[in-house]
Amino acid sequence: MAVSISAVVLLGIVVFVLIRGGSVRLAHALACGLFGFFLASTGAAPLITDAISTLTGWISSI
């Protein structure tokens, strides 16, 4: 649970910096956020969660 909260905070900071820097427009960021929100309710969500958990476990073991 702590990893997902940290990832959300990290990704939120990245999106904020990209919007402020002009690299990403607000509408694009909202579209990506909504895509992620709706993707989380599909059957792909457990696969994505497992992949991220595996990746973070691999990174923490280095």
N, C-alpha and C. Protein backbone atom coordinates (compact mmCIF):
# COMPACT_ATOMS: atom_id res chain seq x y z
N MET A 1 0.82 -1.19 0.00
CA MET A 1 0.00 0.00 0.00
C MET A 1 0.86 1.25 0.00
N ALA A 2 1.93 1.25 0.74
CA ALA A 2 2.80 2.43 0.80
C ALA A 2 3.45 2.70 -0.55
N VAL A 3 3.74 1.65 -1.29
CA VAL A 3 4.37 1.83 -2.60
C VAL A 3 3.41 2.52 -3.55
N SER A 4 2.14 2.13 -3.55
CA SER A 4 1.19 2.76 -4.47
C SER A 4 0.94 4.22 -4.11
N ILE A 5 0.94 4.55 -2.83
CA ILE A 5 0.76 5.95 -2.44
C ILE A 5 1.98 6.75 -2.87
N SER A 6 3.16 6.21 -2.69
CA SER A 6 4.37 6.89 -3.12
C SER A 6 4.38 7.08 -4.63
N ALA A 7 3.95 6.08 -5.37
CA ALA A 7 3.91 6.18 -6.82
C ALA A 7 2.92 7.25 -7.25
N VAL A 8 1.80 7.34 -6.58
CA VAL A 8 0.80 8.36 -6.92
C VAL A 8 1.36 9.75 -6.66
N VAL A 9 2.04 9.93 -5.54
CA VAL A 9 2.63 11.23 -5.23
C VAL A 9 3.71 11.57 -6.25
N LEU A 10 4.57 10.62 -6.57
CA LEU A 10 5.63 10.85 -7.54
C LEU A 10 5.07 11.19 -8.91
N LEU A 11 4.09 10.43 -9.37
CA LEU A 11 3.49 10.70 -10.67
C LEU A 11 2.73 12.03 -10.68
N GLY A 12 2.12 12.37 -9.56
CA GLY A 12 1.45 13.66 -9.46
C GLY A 12 2.43 14.82 -9.58
N ILE A 13 3.58 14.69 -8.96
CA ILE A 13 4.61 15.72 -9.06
C ILE A 13 5.12 15.83 -10.49
N VAL A 14 5.34 14.69 -11.14
CA VAL A 14 5.81 14.70 -12.53
C VAL A 14 4.79 15.39 -13.43
N VAL A 15 3.51 15.06 -13.27
CA VAL A 15 2.47 15.69 -14.10
C VAL A 15 2.41 17.19 -13.82
N PHE A 16 2.50 17.59 -12.57
CA PHE A 16 2.48 19.00 -12.22
C PHE A 16 3.63 19.75 -12.89
N VAL A 17 4.83 19.18 -12.82
CA VAL A 17 6.00 19.82 -13.43
C VAL A 17 5.85 19.89 -14.95
N LEU A 18 5.34 18.84 -15.56
CA LEU A 18 5.14 18.86 -17.01
C LEU A 18 4.11 19.89 -17.44
N ILE A 19 3.05 20.02 -16.65
CA ILE A 19 2.03 21.03 -16.98
C ILE A 19 2.62 22.43 -16.82
N ARG A 20 3.32 22.67 -15.72
CA ARG A 20 3.91 23.99 -15.48
C ARG A 20 4.97 24.32 -16.51
N GLY A 21 5.71 23.32 -16.98
CA GLY A 21 6.75 23.55 -17.98
C GLY A 21 6.22 23.72 -19.38
N GLY A 22 4.96 23.44 -19.59
CA GLY A 22 4.37 23.61 -20.90
C GLY A 22 4.50 22.39 -21.80
N SER A 23 5.08 21.31 -21.27
CA SER A 23 5.25 20.10 -22.08
C SER A 23 3.94 19.36 -22.28
N VAL A 24 3.05 19.46 -21.30
CA VAL A 24 1.76 18.78 -21.35
C VAL A 24 0.68 19.80 -21.04
N ARG A 25 -0.34 19.81 -21.84
CA ARG A 25 -1.45 20.72 -21.58
C ARG A 25 -2.39 20.08 -20.55
N LEU A 26 -3.14 20.91 -19.87
CA LEU A 26 -4.03 20.44 -18.82
C LEU A 26 -5.04 19.43 -19.36
N ALA A 27 -5.57 19.66 -20.54
CA ALA A 27 -6.54 18.72 -21.12
C ALA A 27 -5.92 17.35 -21.36
N HIS A 28 -4.66 17.32 -21.77
CA HIS A 28 -3.98 16.04 -21.99
C HIS A 28 -3.77 15.30 -20.67
N ALA A 29 -3.38 16.04 -19.65
CA ALA A 29 -3.17 15.43 -18.33
C ALA A 29 -4.48 14.89 -17.78
N LEU A 30 -5.58 15.62 -17.97
CA LEU A 30 -6.88 15.14 -17.50
C LEU A 30 -7.30 13.89 -18.28
N ALA A 31 -7.06 13.87 -19.57
CA ALA A 31 -7.39 12.70 -20.38
C ALA A 31 -6.60 11.48 -19.91
N CYS A 32 -5.32 11.66 -19.62
CA CYS A 32 -4.51 10.55 -19.13
C CYS A 32 -4.97 10.08 -17.76
N GLY A 33 -5.33 11.02 -16.90
CA GLY A 33 -5.84 10.67 -15.58
C GLY A 33 -7.14 9.89 -15.65
N LEU A 34 -8.05 10.34 -16.50
CA LEU A 34 -9.31 9.62 -16.67
C LEU A 34 -9.09 8.24 -17.27
N PHE A 35 -8.15 8.14 -18.22
CA PHE A 35 -7.82 6.84 -18.79
C PHE A 35 -7.34 5.89 -17.72
N GLY A 36 -6.45 6.36 -16.85
CA GLY A 36 -5.96 5.53 -15.76
C GLY A 36 -7.06 5.15 -14.78
N PHE A 37 -7.94 6.09 -14.51
CA PHE A 37 -9.05 5.83 -13.60
C PHE A 37 -9.95 4.72 -14.15
N PHE A 38 -10.31 4.82 -15.42
CA PHE A 38 -11.18 3.81 -16.01
C PHE A 38 -10.44 2.50 -16.26
N LEU A 39 -9.15 2.56 -16.54
CA LEU A 39 -8.35 1.35 -16.72
C LEU A 39 -8.29 0.55 -15.43
N ALA A 40 -8.30 1.25 -14.29
CA ALA A 40 -8.23 0.57 -12.99
C ALA A 40 -9.45 -0.29 -12.73
N SER A 41 -10.55 -0.03 -13.40
CA SER A 41 -11.76 -0.82 -13.18
C SER A 41 -11.93 -1.95 -14.20
N THR A 42 -10.93 -2.18 -15.04
CA THR A 42 -11.01 -3.25 -16.02
C THR A 42 -10.30 -4.49 -15.51
N GLY A 43 -10.31 -5.52 -16.30
CA GLY A 43 -9.63 -6.76 -15.95
C GLY A 43 -8.11 -6.65 -16.02
N ALA A 44 -7.62 -5.59 -16.62
CA ALA A 44 -6.17 -5.41 -16.73
C ALA A 44 -5.55 -4.87 -15.45
N ALA A 45 -6.35 -4.38 -14.53
CA ALA A 45 -5.83 -3.76 -13.31
C ALA A 45 -4.97 -4.71 -12.47
N PRO A 46 -5.39 -5.96 -12.24
CA PRO A 46 -4.52 -6.85 -11.45
C PRO A 46 -3.18 -7.13 -12.13
N LEU A 47 -3.18 -7.26 -13.44
CA LEU A 47 -1.94 -7.50 -14.18
C LEU A 47 -1.00 -6.30 -14.04
N ILE A 48 -1.54 -5.11 -14.16
CA ILE A 48 -0.73 -3.90 -14.04
C ILE A 48 -0.20 -3.76 -12.62
N THR A 49 -1.04 -4.02 -11.63
CA THR A 49 -0.61 -3.94 -10.23
C THR A 49 0.50 -4.94 -9.94
N ASP A 50 0.36 -6.16 -10.43
CA ASP A 50 1.39 -7.17 -10.23
C ASP A 50 2.70 -6.78 -10.90
N ALA A 51 2.62 -6.24 -12.11
CA ALA A 51 3.82 -5.82 -12.83
C ALA A 51 4.54 -4.70 -12.09
N ILE A 52 3.79 -3.74 -11.58
CA ILE A 52 4.41 -2.62 -10.84
C ILE A 52 5.00 -3.12 -9.53
N SER A 53 4.31 -4.04 -8.86
CA SER A 53 4.85 -4.61 -7.62
C SER A 53 6.14 -5.38 -7.87
N THR A 54 6.17 -6.14 -8.95
CA THR A 54 7.37 -6.88 -9.31
C THR A 54 8.52 -5.94 -9.62
N LEU A 55 8.23 -4.89 -10.38
CA LEU A 55 9.25 -3.93 -10.75
C LEU A 55 9.80 -3.20 -9.52
N THR A 56 8.92 -2.75 -8.62
CA THR A 56 9.40 -2.06 -7.44
C THR A 56 10.16 -3.01 -6.50
N GLY A 57 9.74 -4.26 -6.44
CA GLY A 57 10.47 -5.24 -5.65
C GLY A 57 11.86 -5.50 -6.22
N TRP A 58 11.94 -5.52 -7.54
CA TRP A 58 13.21 -5.74 -8.21
C TRP A 58 14.14 -4.54 -7.97
N ILE A 59 13.58 -3.34 -8.06
CA ILE A 59 14.39 -2.13 -7.86
C ILE A 59 14.87 -2.04 -6.41
N SER A 60 14.00 -2.39 -5.46
CA SER A 60 14.41 -2.30 -4.05
C SER A 60 15.46 -3.35 -3.68
N SER A 61 15.55 -4.43 -4.45
CA SER A 61 16.55 -5.46 -4.14
C SER A 61 17.94 -5.12 -4.68
N ILE A 62 18.02 -4.07 -5.47
CA ILE A 62 19.34 -3.68 -6.03
C ILE A 62 20.15 -2.95 -5.00
